[in-house]
Amino acid sequence: MVLACRDGDRAESALVDIRSSVPAAEVQVLQLNLSDLESVRQFAGEFALRFDRLDLLVNNAGVMMPPKSLTKPK
């Protein structure tokens, strides 16, 4: 399993929680900020180096009214 997370500290906390519940869990954390296209490219490249396929993708997003923002320019 791969946790694709924007915030490294929160990702590590989630990893600790998962491993405390399932000690044998095979979990890795990869940095991913969807508002930064360079981060998306880096994530995709790293994922492709480590894994030969993607079996399932779960998108977890809350419903809210955030302030308008734009993707970081190149």
PDB file of N, CA and C in Angstrom:
ATOM      1  N   MET A   1       0.845  -1.165   0.000  1.00  0.00           N
ATOM      2  CA  MET A   1       0.000   0.000   0.000  1.00  0.00           C
ATOM      3  C   MET A   1       0.896   1.235   0.000  1.00  0.00           C
ATOM      4  N   VAL A   2       0.454   2.246  -0.718  1.00  0.00           N
ATOM      5  CA  VAL A   2       1.172   3.514  -0.766  1.00  0.00           C
ATOM      6  C   VAL A   2       0.252   4.603  -0.240  1.00  0.00           C
ATOM      7  N   LEU A   3       0.751   5.386   0.701  1.00  0.00           N
ATOM      8  CA  LEU A   3       0.045   6.581   1.146  1.00  0.00           C
ATOM      9  C   LEU A   3       0.662   7.754   0.403  1.00  0.00           C
ATOM     10  N   ALA A   4      -0.099   8.355  -0.481  1.00  0.00           N
ATOM     11  CA  ALA A   4       0.364   9.535  -1.216  1.00  0.00           C
ATOM     12  C   ALA A   4      -0.125  10.749  -0.446  1.00  0.00           C
ATOM     13  N   CYS A   5       0.797  11.452   0.189  1.00  0.00           N
ATOM     14  CA  CYS A   5       0.412  12.512   1.123  1.00  0.00           C
ATOM     15  C   CYS A   5       1.167  13.799   0.862  1.00  0.00           C
ATOM     16  N   ARG A   6       0.487  14.906   1.084  1.00  0.00           N
ATOM     17  CA  ARG A   6       1.081  16.234   0.941  1.00  0.00           C
ATOM     18  C   ARG A   6       1.929  16.580   2.172  1.00  0.00           C
ATOM     19  N   ASP A   7       1.444  16.242   3.341  1.00  0.00           N
ATOM     20  CA  ASP A   7       2.084  16.606   4.602  1.00  0.00           C
ATOM     21  C   ASP A   7       2.843  15.404   5.163  1.00  0.00           C
ATOM     22  N   GLY A   8       4.167  15.482   5.151  1.00  0.00           N
ATOM     23  CA  GLY A   8       5.000  14.368   5.591  1.00  0.00           C
ATOM     24  C   GLY A   8       4.792  13.963   7.041  1.00  0.00           C
ATOM     25  N   ASP A   9       4.609  14.942   7.930  1.00  0.00           N
ATOM     26  CA  ASP A   9       4.403  14.630   9.349  1.00  0.00           C
ATOM     27  C   ASP A   9       3.089  13.888   9.569  1.00  0.00           C
ATOM     28  N   ARG A  10       2.038  14.339   8.913  1.00  0.00           N
ATOM     29  CA  ARG A  10       0.739  13.660   9.052  1.00  0.00           C
ATOM     30  C   ARG A  10       0.786  12.269   8.425  1.00  0.00           C
ATOM     31  N   ALA A  11       1.537  12.129   7.331  1.00  0.00           N
ATOM     32  CA  ALA A  11       1.686  10.824   6.687  1.00  0.00           C
ATOM     33  C   ALA A  11       2.385   9.844   7.627  1.00  0.00           C
ATOM     34  N   GLU A  12       3.446  10.310   8.268  1.00  0.00           N
ATOM     35  CA  GLU A  12       4.172   9.437   9.206  1.00  0.00           C
ATOM     36  C   GLU A  12       3.287   9.057  10.384  1.00  0.00           C
ATOM     37  N   SER A  13       2.476   9.979  10.854  1.00  0.00           N
ATOM     38  CA  SER A  13       1.539   9.679  11.940  1.00  0.00           C
ATOM     39  C   SER A  13       0.535   8.613  11.503  1.00  0.00           C
ATOM     40  N   ALA A  14       0.015   8.739  10.287  1.00  0.00           N
ATOM     41  CA  ALA A  14      -0.922   7.737   9.758  1.00  0.00           C
ATOM     42  C   ALA A  14      -0.235   6.386   9.615  1.00  0.00           C
ATOM     43  N   LEU A  15       1.017   6.402   9.190  1.00  0.00           N
ATOM     44  CA  LEU A  15       1.790   5.174   9.042  1.00  0.00           C
ATOM     45  C   LEU A  15       1.956   4.468  10.385  1.00  0.00           C
ATOM     46  N   VAL A  16       2.256   5.221  11.424  1.00  0.00           N
ATOM     47  CA  VAL A  16       2.383   4.661  12.778  1.00  0.00           C
ATOM     48  C   VAL A  16       1.053   4.034  13.216  1.00  0.00           C
ATOM     49  N   ASP A  17      -0.052   4.748  12.954  1.00  0.00           N
ATOM     50  CA  ASP A  17      -1.370   4.217  13.323  1.00  0.00           C
ATOM     51  C   ASP A  17      -1.677   2.919  12.586  1.00  0.00           C
ATOM     52  N   ILE A  18      -1.387   2.881  11.306  1.00  0.00           N
ATOM     53  CA  ILE A  18      -1.650   1.673  10.516  1.00  0.00           C
ATOM     54  C   ILE A  18      -0.812   0.516  11.036  1.00  0.00           C
ATOM     55  N   ARG A  19       0.475   0.763  11.260  1.00  0.00           N
ATOM     56  CA  ARG A  19       1.365  -0.319  11.708  1.00  0.00           C
ATOM     57  C   ARG A  19       1.066  -0.758  13.133  1.00  0.00           C
ATOM     58  N   SER A  20       0.482   0.117  13.947  1.00  0.00           N
ATOM     59  CA  SER A  20       0.114  -0.311  15.305  1.00  0.00           C
ATOM     60  C   SER A  20      -1.107  -1.228  15.253  1.00  0.00           C
ATOM     61  N   SER A  21      -1.975  -1.009  14.274  1.00  0.00           N
ATOM     62  CA  SER A  21      -3.157  -1.866  14.111  1.00  0.00           C
ATOM     63  C   SER A  21      -2.840  -3.134  13.335  1.00  0.00           C
ATOM     64  N   VAL A  22      -1.958  -3.016  12.346  1.00  0.00           N
ATOM     65  CA  VAL A  22      -1.606  -4.153  11.480  1.00  0.00           C
ATOM     66  C   VAL A  22      -0.084  -4.178  11.351  1.00  0.00           C
ATOM     67  N   PRO A  23       0.603  -4.799  12.300  1.00  0.00           N
ATOM     68  CA  PRO A  23       2.073  -4.763  12.307  1.00  0.00           C
ATOM     69  C   PRO A  23       2.728  -5.282  11.022  1.00  0.00           C
ATOM     70  N   ALA A  24       2.094  -6.220  10.349  1.00  0.00           N
ATOM     71  CA  ALA A  24       2.687  -6.790   9.131  1.00  0.00           C
ATOM     72  C   ALA A  24       2.310  -6.013   7.869  1.00  0.00           C
ATOM     73  N   ALA A  25       1.637  -4.881   8.027  1.00  0.00           N
ATOM     74  CA  ALA A  25       1.194  -4.108   6.862  1.00  0.00           C
ATOM     75  C   ALA A  25       2.395  -3.641   6.037  1.00  0.00           C
ATOM     76  N   GLU A  26       2.283  -3.800   4.744  1.00  0.00           N
ATOM     77  CA  GLU A  26       3.312  -3.307   3.826  1.00  0.00           C
ATOM     78  C   GLU A  26       2.851  -1.946   3.324  1.00  0.00           C
ATOM     79  N   VAL A  27       3.348  -0.905   3.965  1.00  0.00           N
ATOM     80  CA  VAL A  27       2.906   0.460   3.669  1.00  0.00           C
ATOM     81  C   VAL A  27       4.122   1.342   3.438  1.00  0.00           C
ATOM     82  N   GLN A  28       4.030   2.161   2.405  1.00  0.00           N
ATOM     83  CA  GLN A  28       5.070   3.140   2.119  1.00  0.00           C
ATOM     84  C   GLN A  28       4.419   4.507   1.954  1.00  0.00           C
ATOM     85  N   VAL A  29       5.176   5.538   2.260  1.00  0.00           N
ATOM     86  CA  VAL A  29       4.697   6.905   2.098  1.00  0.00           C
ATOM     87  C   VAL A  29       5.458   7.554   0.946  1.00  0.00           C
ATOM     88  N   LEU A  30       4.713   8.173   0.037  1.00  0.00           N
ATOM     89  CA  LEU A  30       5.315   8.969  -1.026  1.00  0.00           C
ATOM     90  C   LEU A  30       4.707  10.369  -0.972  1.00  0.00           C
ATOM     91  N   GLN A  31       5.551  11.372  -1.098  1.00  0.00           N
ATOM     92  CA  GLN A  31       5.098  12.763  -1.074  1.00  0.00           C
ATOM     93  C   GLN A  31       4.328  13.084  -2.343  1.00  0.00           C
ATOM     94  N   LEU A  32       3.185  13.766  -2.207  1.00  0.00           N
ATOM     95  CA  LEU A  32       2.386  14.181  -3.363  1.00  0.00           C
ATOM     96  C   LEU A  32       1.562  15.401  -3.009  1.00  0.00           C
ATOM     97  N   ASN A  33       1.790  16.475  -3.742  1.00  0.00           N
ATOM     98  CA  ASN A  33       0.992  17.688  -3.585  1.00  0.00           C
ATOM     99  C   ASN A  33       0.289  17.925  -4.919  1.00  0.00           C
ATOM    100  N   LEU A  34      -1.014  17.670  -4.970  1.00  0.00           N
ATOM    101  CA  LEU A  34      -1.756  17.757  -6.220  1.00  0.00           C
ATOM    102  C   LEU A  34      -1.881  19.170  -6.763  1.00  0.00           C
ATOM    103  N   SER A  35      -1.563  20.173  -5.961  1.00  0.00           N
ATOM    104  CA  SER A  35      -1.617  21.546  -6.457  1.00  0.00           C
ATOM    105  C   SER A  35      -0.309  21.970  -7.119  1.00  0.00           C
ATOM    106  N   ASP A  36       0.666  21.072  -7.157  1.00  0.00           N
ATOM    107  CA  ASP A  36       1.977  21.355  -7.737  1.00  0.00           C
ATOM    108  C   ASP A  36       2.277  20.278  -8.784  1.00  0.00           C
ATOM    109  N   LEU A  37       2.218  20.640 -10.066  1.00  0.00           N
ATOM    110  CA  LEU A  37       2.390  19.650 -11.127  1.00  0.00           C
ATOM    111  C   LEU A  37       3.772  18.997 -11.106  1.00  0.00           C
ATOM    112  N   GLU A  38       4.782  19.705 -10.641  1.00  0.00           N
ATOM    113  CA  GLU A  38       6.111  19.085 -10.515  1.00  0.00           C
ATOM    114  C   GLU A  38       6.075  17.976  -9.459  1.00  0.00           C
ATOM    115  N   SER A  39       5.364  18.188  -8.372  1.00  0.00           N
ATOM    116  CA  SER A  39       5.201  17.156  -7.344  1.00  0.00           C
ATOM    117  C   SER A  39       4.484  15.936  -7.929  1.00  0.00           C
ATOM    118  N   VAL A  40       3.490  16.178  -8.763  1.00  0.00           N
ATOM    119  CA  VAL A  40       2.758  15.072  -9.402  1.00  0.00           C
ATOM    120  C   VAL A  40       3.697  14.284 -10.301  1.00  0.00           C
ATOM    121  N   ARG A  41       4.524  14.973 -11.089  1.00  0.00           N
ATOM    122  CA  ARG A  41       5.487  14.287 -11.964  1.00  0.00           C
ATOM    123  C   ARG A  41       6.499  13.478 -11.148  1.00  0.00           C
ATOM    124  N   GLN A  42       6.995  14.073 -10.070  1.00  0.00           N
ATOM    125  CA  GLN A  42       7.963  13.357  -9.227  1.00  0.00           C
ATOM    126  C   GLN A  42       7.329  12.119  -8.601  1.00  0.00           C
ATOM    127  N   PHE A  43       6.108  12.258  -8.107  1.00  0.00           N
ATOM    128  CA  PHE A  43       5.406  11.117  -7.525  1.00  0.00           C
ATOM    129  C   PHE A  43       5.236  10.007  -8.561  1.00  0.00           C
ATOM    130  N   ALA A  44       4.772  10.370  -9.757  1.00  0.00           N
ATOM    131  CA  ALA A  44       4.539   9.376 -10.804  1.00  0.00           C
ATOM    132  C   ALA A  44       5.839   8.646 -11.166  1.00  0.00           C
ATOM    133  N   GLY A  45       6.930   9.391 -11.269  1.00  0.00           N
ATOM    134  CA  GLY A  45       8.212   8.779 -11.578  1.00  0.00           C
ATOM    135  C   GLY A  45       8.674   7.834 -10.489  1.00  0.00           C
ATOM    136  N   GLU A  46       8.563   8.262  -9.240  1.00  0.00           N
ATOM    137  CA  GLU A  46       8.968   7.421  -8.103  1.00  0.00           C
ATOM    138  C   GLU A  46       8.090   6.179  -8.015  1.00  0.00           C
ATOM    139  N   PHE A  47       6.785   6.357  -8.214  1.00  0.00           N
ATOM    140  CA  PHE A  47       5.868   5.216  -8.168  1.00  0.00           C
ATOM    141  C   PHE A  47       6.244   4.207  -9.252  1.00  0.00           C
ATOM    142  N   ALA A  48       6.506   4.690 -10.460  1.00  0.00           N
ATOM    143  CA  ALA A  48       6.862   3.803 -11.570  1.00  0.00           C
ATOM    144  C   ALA A  48       8.166   3.049 -11.307  1.00  0.00           C
ATOM    145  N   LEU A  49       9.106   3.684 -10.608  1.00  0.00           N
ATOM    146  CA  LEU A  49      10.364   3.005 -10.275  1.00  0.00           C
ATOM    147  C   LEU A  49      10.163   1.892  -9.246  1.00  0.00           C
ATOM    148  N   ARG A  50       9.269   2.116  -8.298  1.00  0.00           N
ATOM    149  CA  ARG A  50       9.086   1.161  -7.201  1.00  0.00           C
ATOM    150  C   ARG A  50       8.088   0.044  -7.495  1.00  0.00           C
ATOM    151  N   PHE A  51       7.118   0.318  -8.352  1.00  0.00           N
ATOM    152  CA  PHE A  51       6.019  -0.630  -8.550  1.00  0.00           C
ATOM    153  C   PHE A  51       5.795  -0.876 -10.033  1.00  0.00           C
ATOM    154  N   ASP A  52       5.310  -2.075 -10.347  1.00  0.00           N
ATOM    155  CA  ASP A  52       5.048  -2.391 -11.749  1.00  0.00           C
ATOM    156  C   ASP A  52       3.587  -2.223 -12.137  1.00  0.00           C
ATOM    157  N   ARG A  53       2.720  -1.928 -11.165  1.00  0.00           N
ATOM    158  CA  ARG A  53       1.306  -1.732 -11.488  1.00  0.00           C
ATOM    159  C   ARG A  53       0.588  -1.023 -10.347  1.00  0.00           C
ATOM    160  N   LEU A  54      -0.599  -0.507 -10.669  1.00  0.00           N
ATOM    161  CA  LEU A  54      -1.498   0.101  -9.694  1.00  0.00           C
ATOM    162  C   LEU A  54      -2.788  -0.701  -9.741  1.00  0.00           C
ATOM    163  N   ASP A  55      -3.132  -1.360  -8.640  1.00  0.00           N
ATOM    164  CA  ASP A  55      -4.316  -2.210  -8.609  1.00  0.00           C
ATOM    165  C   ASP A  55      -5.575  -1.462  -8.198  1.00  0.00           C
ATOM    166  N   LEU A  56      -5.446  -0.488  -7.331  1.00  0.00           N
ATOM    167  CA  LEU A  56      -6.614   0.210  -6.806  1.00  0.00           C
ATOM    168  C   LEU A  56      -6.207   1.606  -6.384  1.00  0.00           C
ATOM    169  N   LEU A  57      -7.054   2.580  -6.701  1.00  0.00           N
ATOM    170  CA  LEU A  57      -6.808   3.958  -6.304  1.00  0.00           C
ATOM    171  C   LEU A  57      -8.004   4.436  -5.491  1.00  0.00           C
ATOM    172  N   VAL A  58      -7.731   4.910  -4.281  1.00  0.00           N
ATOM    173  CA  VAL A  58      -8.789   5.453  -3.425  1.00  0.00           C
ATOM    174  C   VAL A  58      -8.505   6.934  -3.229  1.00  0.00           C
ATOM    175  N   ASN A  59      -9.420   7.765  -3.672  1.00  0.00           N
ATOM    176  CA  ASN A  59      -9.306   9.208  -3.477  1.00  0.00           C
ATOM    177  C   ASN A  59     -10.088   9.572  -2.227  1.00  0.00           C
ATOM    178  N   ASN A  60      -9.431  10.238  -1.299  1.00  0.00           N
ATOM    179  CA  ASN A  60     -10.063  10.625  -0.050  1.00  0.00           C
ATOM    180  C   ASN A  60     -10.041  12.143   0.035  1.00  0.00           C
ATOM    181  N   ALA A  61     -11.198  12.743  -0.169  1.00  0.00           N
ATOM    182  CA  ALA A  61     -11.261  14.210  -0.107  1.00  0.00           C
ATOM    183  C   ALA A  61     -12.507  14.624   0.659  1.00  0.00           C
ATOM    184  N   GLY A  62     -12.355  15.612   1.499  1.00  0.00           N
ATOM    185  CA  GLY A  62     -13.491  16.135   2.242  1.00  0.00           C
ATOM    186  C   GLY A  62     -14.274  17.134   1.404  1.00  0.00           C
ATOM    187  N   VAL A  63     -15.497  17.342   1.771  1.00  0.00           N
ATOM    188  CA  VAL A  63     -16.327  18.340   1.108  1.00  0.00           C
ATOM    189  C   VAL A  63     -16.269  19.615   1.938  1.00  0.00           C
ATOM    190  N   MET A  64     -15.835  20.696   1.301  1.00  0.00           N
ATOM    191  CA  MET A  64     -15.717  21.954   2.020  1.00  0.00           C
ATOM    192  C   MET A  64     -15.715  23.083   1.011  1.00  0.00           C
ATOM    193  N   MET A  65     -15.663  24.277   1.490  1.00  0.00           N
ATOM    194  CA  MET A  65     -15.625  25.465   0.638  1.00  0.00           C
ATOM    195  C   MET A  65     -14.293  26.186   0.855  1.00  0.00           C
ATOM    196  N   PRO A  66     -13.202  25.667   0.260  1.00  0.00           N
ATOM    197  CA  PRO A  66     -11.904  26.320   0.455  1.00  0.00           C
ATOM    198  C   PRO A  66     -11.825  27.615  -0.362  1.00  0.00           C
ATOM    199  N   PRO A  67     -10.891  28.470  -0.018  1.00  0.00           N
ATOM    200  CA  PRO A  67     -10.707  29.672  -0.838  1.00  0.00           C
ATOM    201  C   PRO A  67     -10.191  29.265  -2.218  1.00  0.00           C
ATOM    202  N   LYS A  68     -10.525  30.044  -3.226  1.00  0.00           N
ATOM    203  CA  LYS A  68     -10.078  29.748  -4.580  1.00  0.00           C
ATOM    204  C   LYS A  68      -8.559  29.764  -4.633  1.00  0.00           C
ATOM    205  N   SER A  69      -7.998  28.745  -5.300  1.00  0.00           N
ATOM    206  CA  SER A  69      -6.549  28.696  -5.488  1.00  0.00           C
ATOM    207  C   SER A  69      -6.270  28.105  -6.855  1.00  0.00           C
ATOM    208  N   LEU A  70      -5.046  28.311  -7.336  1.00  0.00           N
ATOM    209  CA  LEU A  70      -4.629  27.809  -8.630  1.00  0.00           C
ATOM    210  C   LEU A  70      -3.454  26.877  -8.461  1.00  0.00           C
ATOM    211  N   THR A  71      -3.279  25.979  -9.429  1.00  0.00           N
ATOM    212  CA  THR A  71      -2.127  25.101  -9.441  1.00  0.00           C
ATOM    213  C   THR A  71      -0.868  25.937  -9.573  1.00  0.00           C
ATOM    214  N   LYS A  72       0.175  25.541  -8.851  1.00  0.00           N
ATOM    215  CA  LYS A  72       1.456  26.249  -8.898  1.00  0.00           C
ATOM    216  C   LYS A  72       1.976  26.258 -10.336  1.00  0.00           C
ATOM    217  N   PRO A  73       2.363  27.435 -10.873  1.00  0.00           N
ATOM    218  CA  PRO A  73       2.870  27.492 -12.250  1.00  0.00           C
ATOM    219  C   PRO A  73       4.225  26.813 -12.358  1.00  0.00           C
ATOM    220  N   LYS A  74       4.586  26.449 -13.584  1.00  0.00           N
ATOM    221  CA  LYS A  74       5.890  25.817 -13.831  1.00  0.00           C
ATOM    222  C   LYS A  74       7.031  26.684 -13.412  1.00  0.00           C
TER     223      LYS A  74
END
